[in-house]
Amino acid sequence: MMDQQTFLLQQMVELTDALRRTSRTSAPRKAYDPHEPWPEELRRQLAHDIDERRRAGESFGCIAHALNQRGIPGEHGGRWYGATVRNFLLRNTASPMKQ
C-alpha cells in the first residue's frame, strides 16, 4: 500500500512522462512549463519530505541524487542539484534549517 507522499511523488513522475510524450507529438515545447506552478499540495509534500531528510542529517547533494533517481523533475523540469534542493527548501518552508 502506498503512503500519501509516495502517491503524490508518483503522480508527479507520471504527469511529467505524459507531458514529455505529448510534447513529442505536438508543437515542440519543454516537457514542463516553468511558468505553470506546481500544485500546492505537491509542493508542500515535497518540501516536507526534503525538510525531514535534512533534519535526519542528509546533505543537499544526497537528497538531490535521490530525487533524480526517483525520476522526480526539478521545478523547471530539469535535474536536481544540491543548490536547487536548498533553494527549493528555502522558498517552501518557514522553519530554519542547517546550511
N, C-alpha and C. Protein backbone atom coordinates (compact mmCIF):
# COMPACT_ATOMS: atom_id res chain seq x y z
N MET A 1 0.84 -1.18 0.00
CA MET A 1 0.00 0.00 0.00
C MET A 1 0.89 1.25 0.00
N MET A 2 0.57 2.20 -0.85
CA MET A 2 1.36 3.42 -0.97
C MET A 2 0.93 4.45 0.07
N ASP A 3 1.92 5.12 0.67
CA ASP A 3 1.55 6.22 1.55
C ASP A 3 1.29 7.46 0.70
N GLN A 4 0.77 8.50 1.31
CA GLN A 4 0.37 9.71 0.57
C GLN A 4 1.56 10.35 -0.13
N GLN A 5 2.70 10.40 0.54
CA GLN A 5 3.89 11.03 -0.04
C GLN A 5 4.33 10.28 -1.29
N THR A 6 4.41 8.98 -1.22
CA THR A 6 4.82 8.18 -2.37
C THR A 6 3.82 8.34 -3.50
N PHE A 7 2.54 8.36 -3.16
CA PHE A 7 1.50 8.52 -4.17
C PHE A 7 1.64 9.85 -4.90
N LEU A 8 1.83 10.96 -4.15
CA LEU A 8 1.96 12.28 -4.78
C LEU A 8 3.20 12.36 -5.65
N LEU A 9 4.31 11.82 -5.19
CA LEU A 9 5.53 11.85 -5.98
C LEU A 9 5.38 11.01 -7.25
N GLN A 10 4.70 9.86 -7.14
CA GLN A 10 4.46 9.03 -8.32
C GLN A 10 3.56 9.76 -9.31
N GLN A 11 2.57 10.49 -8.81
CA GLN A 11 1.70 11.26 -9.69
C GLN A 11 2.51 12.31 -10.46
N MET A 12 3.47 12.92 -9.78
CA MET A 12 4.31 13.92 -10.43
C MET A 12 5.15 13.30 -11.55
N VAL A 13 5.71 12.12 -11.29
CA VAL A 13 6.50 11.43 -12.30
C VAL A 13 5.62 11.08 -13.50
N GLU A 14 4.42 10.56 -13.25
CA GLU A 14 3.51 10.20 -14.33
C GLU A 14 3.08 11.42 -15.14
N LEU A 15 2.82 12.54 -14.47
CA LEU A 15 2.45 13.77 -15.16
C LEU A 15 3.59 14.25 -16.05
N THR A 16 4.80 14.20 -15.55
CA THR A 16 5.97 14.61 -16.34
C THR A 16 6.13 13.71 -17.56
N ASP A 17 5.98 12.40 -17.38
CA ASP A 17 6.07 11.48 -18.51
C ASP A 17 5.00 11.79 -19.56
N ALA A 18 3.78 12.05 -19.10
CA ALA A 18 2.70 12.37 -20.03
C ALA A 18 2.99 13.66 -20.79
N LEU A 19 3.52 14.65 -20.10
CA LEU A 19 3.88 15.91 -20.77
C LEU A 19 4.98 15.69 -21.80
N ARG A 20 5.94 14.85 -21.48
CA ARG A 20 7.02 14.57 -22.44
C ARG A 20 6.48 13.85 -23.67
N ARG A 21 5.59 12.89 -23.46
CA ARG A 21 5.00 12.18 -24.62
C ARG A 21 4.19 13.13 -25.48
N THR A 22 3.42 14.01 -24.85
CA THR A 22 2.61 14.99 -25.58
C THR A 22 3.50 15.93 -26.37
N SER A 23 4.60 16.35 -25.77
CA SER A 23 5.45 17.33 -26.44
C SER A 23 6.13 16.74 -27.67
N ARG A 24 6.26 15.41 -27.74
CA ARG A 24 6.86 14.78 -28.92
C ARG A 24 5.89 14.75 -30.10
N THR A 25 4.60 14.72 -29.79
CA THR A 25 3.62 14.59 -30.86
C THR A 25 2.99 15.91 -31.26
N SER A 26 3.18 16.94 -30.48
CA SER A 26 2.61 18.23 -30.81
C SER A 26 3.73 19.23 -31.08
N ALA A 27 3.40 20.47 -31.11
CA ALA A 27 4.40 21.51 -31.37
C ALA A 27 5.53 21.40 -30.35
N PRO A 28 6.78 21.61 -30.78
CA PRO A 28 7.89 21.50 -29.85
C PRO A 28 7.75 22.47 -28.68
N ARG A 29 7.94 21.96 -27.48
CA ARG A 29 7.92 22.77 -26.28
C ARG A 29 8.59 21.98 -25.17
N LYS A 30 8.88 22.64 -24.08
CA LYS A 30 9.52 21.97 -22.96
C LYS A 30 8.54 20.99 -22.34
N ALA A 31 9.11 19.91 -21.73
CA ALA A 31 8.27 18.91 -21.08
C ALA A 31 7.52 19.51 -19.89
N TYR A 32 8.08 20.53 -19.31
CA TYR A 32 7.44 21.16 -18.16
C TYR A 32 7.51 22.67 -18.38
N ASP A 33 6.39 23.33 -18.26
CA ASP A 33 6.35 24.77 -18.44
C ASP A 33 6.70 25.44 -17.10
N PRO A 34 7.87 26.12 -17.04
CA PRO A 34 8.26 26.73 -15.77
C PRO A 34 7.33 27.83 -15.30
N HIS A 35 6.47 28.31 -16.19
CA HIS A 35 5.51 29.35 -15.81
C HIS A 35 4.26 28.75 -15.17
N GLU A 36 4.07 27.44 -15.29
CA GLU A 36 2.96 26.73 -14.65
C GLU A 36 3.41 26.37 -13.24
N PRO A 37 2.77 26.86 -12.21
CA PRO A 37 3.17 26.48 -10.85
C PRO A 37 2.80 25.03 -10.54
N TRP A 38 3.59 24.42 -9.68
CA TRP A 38 3.26 23.07 -9.21
C TRP A 38 2.01 23.15 -8.36
N PRO A 39 1.24 22.08 -8.30
CA PRO A 39 0.10 22.06 -7.38
C PRO A 39 0.60 22.28 -5.94
N GLU A 40 -0.11 23.08 -5.19
CA GLU A 40 0.33 23.46 -3.84
C GLU A 40 0.53 22.25 -2.93
N GLU A 41 -0.36 21.27 -3.02
CA GLU A 41 -0.24 20.08 -2.17
C GLU A 41 1.05 19.32 -2.48
N LEU A 42 1.39 19.21 -3.76
CA LEU A 42 2.61 18.53 -4.16
C LEU A 42 3.84 19.29 -3.66
N ARG A 43 3.82 20.59 -3.79
CA ARG A 43 4.94 21.44 -3.33
C ARG A 43 5.13 21.27 -1.82
N ARG A 44 4.03 21.32 -1.07
CA ARG A 44 4.11 21.17 0.39
C ARG A 44 4.67 19.80 0.78
N GLN A 45 4.17 18.76 0.10
CA GLN A 45 4.60 17.40 0.43
C GLN A 45 6.08 17.20 0.13
N LEU A 46 6.53 17.70 -1.00
CA LEU A 46 7.94 17.56 -1.36
C LEU A 46 8.81 18.37 -0.39
N ALA A 47 8.40 19.58 -0.05
CA ALA A 47 9.16 20.39 0.91
C ALA A 47 9.23 19.69 2.27
N HIS A 48 8.13 19.07 2.68
CA HIS A 48 8.10 18.34 3.95
C HIS A 48 9.08 17.17 3.91
N ASP A 49 9.07 16.43 2.81
CA ASP A 49 9.96 15.27 2.65
C ASP A 49 11.42 15.71 2.69
N ILE A 50 11.76 16.76 1.96
CA ILE A 50 13.13 17.26 1.93
C ILE A 50 13.53 17.76 3.31
N ASP A 51 12.65 18.49 3.98
CA ASP A 51 12.94 19.02 5.32
C ASP A 51 13.21 17.89 6.31
N GLU A 52 12.43 16.84 6.26
CA GLU A 52 12.63 15.69 7.15
C GLU A 52 13.99 15.04 6.90
N ARG A 53 14.35 14.92 5.62
CA ARG A 53 15.64 14.30 5.29
C ARG A 53 16.80 15.16 5.77
N ARG A 54 16.66 16.49 5.67
CA ARG A 54 17.71 17.39 6.16
C ARG A 54 17.84 17.26 7.68
N ARG A 55 16.71 17.22 8.37
CA ARG A 55 16.74 17.09 9.83
C ARG A 55 17.36 15.77 10.25
N ALA A 56 17.27 14.76 9.38
CA ALA A 56 17.88 13.45 9.66
C ALA A 56 19.38 13.47 9.35
N GLY A 57 19.87 14.58 8.80
CA GLY A 57 21.30 14.71 8.57
C GLY A 57 21.78 14.50 7.14
N GLU A 58 20.86 14.29 6.20
CA GLU A 58 21.28 14.10 4.81
C GLU A 58 21.72 15.41 4.19
N SER A 59 22.71 15.33 3.33
CA SER A 59 23.19 16.53 2.64
C SER A 59 22.24 16.89 1.50
N PHE A 60 22.33 18.14 1.05
CA PHE A 60 21.51 18.56 -0.08
C PHE A 60 21.84 17.74 -1.32
N GLY A 61 23.13 17.43 -1.50
CA GLY A 61 23.55 16.63 -2.65
C GLY A 61 22.95 15.23 -2.63
N CYS A 62 22.91 14.60 -1.47
CA CYS A 62 22.32 13.25 -1.35
C CYS A 62 20.82 13.29 -1.66
N ILE A 63 20.16 14.33 -1.16
CA ILE A 63 18.72 14.46 -1.42
C ILE A 63 18.49 14.68 -2.91
N ALA A 64 19.31 15.51 -3.55
CA ALA A 64 19.19 15.76 -4.99
C ALA A 64 19.37 14.46 -5.76
N HIS A 65 20.36 13.68 -5.38
CA HIS A 65 20.60 12.40 -6.07
C HIS A 65 19.39 11.48 -5.93
N ALA A 66 18.82 11.42 -4.73
CA ALA A 66 17.65 10.56 -4.50
C ALA A 66 16.45 11.01 -5.35
N LEU A 67 16.23 12.32 -5.44
CA LEU A 67 15.11 12.84 -6.25
C LEU A 67 15.32 12.50 -7.72
N ASN A 68 16.54 12.65 -8.21
CA ASN A 68 16.84 12.32 -9.60
C ASN A 68 16.67 10.82 -9.85
N GLN A 69 17.11 9.98 -8.90
CA GLN A 69 16.98 8.53 -9.05
C GLN A 69 15.51 8.11 -9.09
N ARG A 70 14.65 8.83 -8.36
CA ARG A 70 13.22 8.51 -8.34
C ARG A 70 12.49 9.08 -9.55
N GLY A 71 13.20 9.85 -10.37
CA GLY A 71 12.59 10.40 -11.58
C GLY A 71 11.74 11.63 -11.34
N ILE A 72 11.96 12.30 -10.23
CA ILE A 72 11.18 13.49 -9.90
C ILE A 72 11.87 14.70 -10.53
N PRO A 73 11.21 15.38 -11.45
CA PRO A 73 11.86 16.53 -12.10
C PRO A 73 11.93 17.73 -11.17
N GLY A 74 12.92 18.58 -11.42
CA GLY A 74 13.03 19.82 -10.67
C GLY A 74 11.90 20.77 -11.03
N GLU A 75 11.84 21.89 -10.38
CA GLU A 75 10.74 22.84 -10.60
C GLU A 75 10.62 23.29 -12.05
N HIS A 76 11.72 23.32 -12.75
CA HIS A 76 11.68 23.77 -14.14
C HIS A 76 11.83 22.60 -15.11
N GLY A 77 11.60 21.40 -14.63
CA GLY A 77 11.62 20.21 -15.48
C GLY A 77 12.98 19.56 -15.62
N GLY A 78 14.01 20.13 -15.00
CA GLY A 78 15.36 19.58 -15.12
C GLY A 78 15.75 18.71 -13.95
N ARG A 79 17.06 18.51 -13.83
CA ARG A 79 17.62 17.70 -12.75
C ARG A 79 17.69 18.51 -11.46
N TRP A 80 17.80 17.78 -10.36
CA TRP A 80 18.02 18.39 -9.05
C TRP A 80 19.52 18.42 -8.78
N TYR A 81 19.98 19.47 -8.13
CA TYR A 81 21.35 19.60 -7.65
C TYR A 81 21.25 20.04 -6.20
N GLY A 82 22.36 19.94 -5.47
CA GLY A 82 22.33 20.35 -4.07
C GLY A 82 21.80 21.76 -3.89
N ALA A 83 22.24 22.67 -4.75
CA ALA A 83 21.79 24.07 -4.65
C ALA A 83 20.31 24.23 -4.96
N THR A 84 19.79 23.45 -5.91
CA THR A 84 18.36 23.59 -6.23
C THR A 84 17.50 23.03 -5.11
N VAL A 85 17.98 21.96 -4.46
CA VAL A 85 17.25 21.42 -3.31
C VAL A 85 17.23 22.46 -2.19
N ARG A 86 18.39 23.05 -1.91
CA ARG A 86 18.49 24.07 -0.85
C ARG A 86 17.56 25.25 -1.16
N ASN A 87 17.61 25.75 -2.38
CA ASN A 87 16.78 26.90 -2.75
C ASN A 87 15.29 26.56 -2.68
N PHE A 88 14.93 25.37 -3.14
CA PHE A 88 13.53 24.93 -3.06
C PHE A 88 13.08 24.93 -1.60
N LEU A 89 13.92 24.39 -0.73
CA LEU A 89 13.57 24.31 0.68
C LEU A 89 13.47 25.70 1.30
N LEU A 90 14.37 26.58 0.96
CA LEU A 90 14.31 27.95 1.49
C LEU A 90 13.02 28.66 1.07
N ARG A 91 12.59 28.44 -0.17
CA ARG A 91 11.38 29.09 -0.66
C ARG A 91 10.10 28.47 -0.13
N ASN A 92 10.16 27.20 0.29
CA ASN A 92 8.92 26.49 0.59
C ASN A 92 8.76 26.03 2.03
N THR A 93 9.62 26.47 2.92
CA THR A 93 9.43 26.14 4.33
C THR A 93 9.63 27.38 5.17
N ALA A 94 8.96 27.41 6.29
CA ALA A 94 9.08 28.55 7.20
C ALA A 94 10.10 28.25 8.29
N SER A 95 10.44 26.97 8.44
CA SER A 95 11.36 26.59 9.54
C SER A 95 12.81 26.82 9.13
N PRO A 96 13.64 27.23 10.07
CA PRO A 96 15.06 27.39 9.76
C PRO A 96 15.71 26.02 9.56
N MET A 97 16.79 26.00 8.80
CA MET A 97 17.46 24.73 8.55
C MET A 97 18.96 24.91 8.68
N LYS A 98 19.65 23.81 8.85
CA LYS A 98 21.10 23.86 8.91
C LYS A 98 21.63 24.05 7.48
N GLN A 99 22.60 24.88 7.32
CA GLN A 99 23.19 25.14 6.00
C GLN A 99 24.15 24.06 5.60
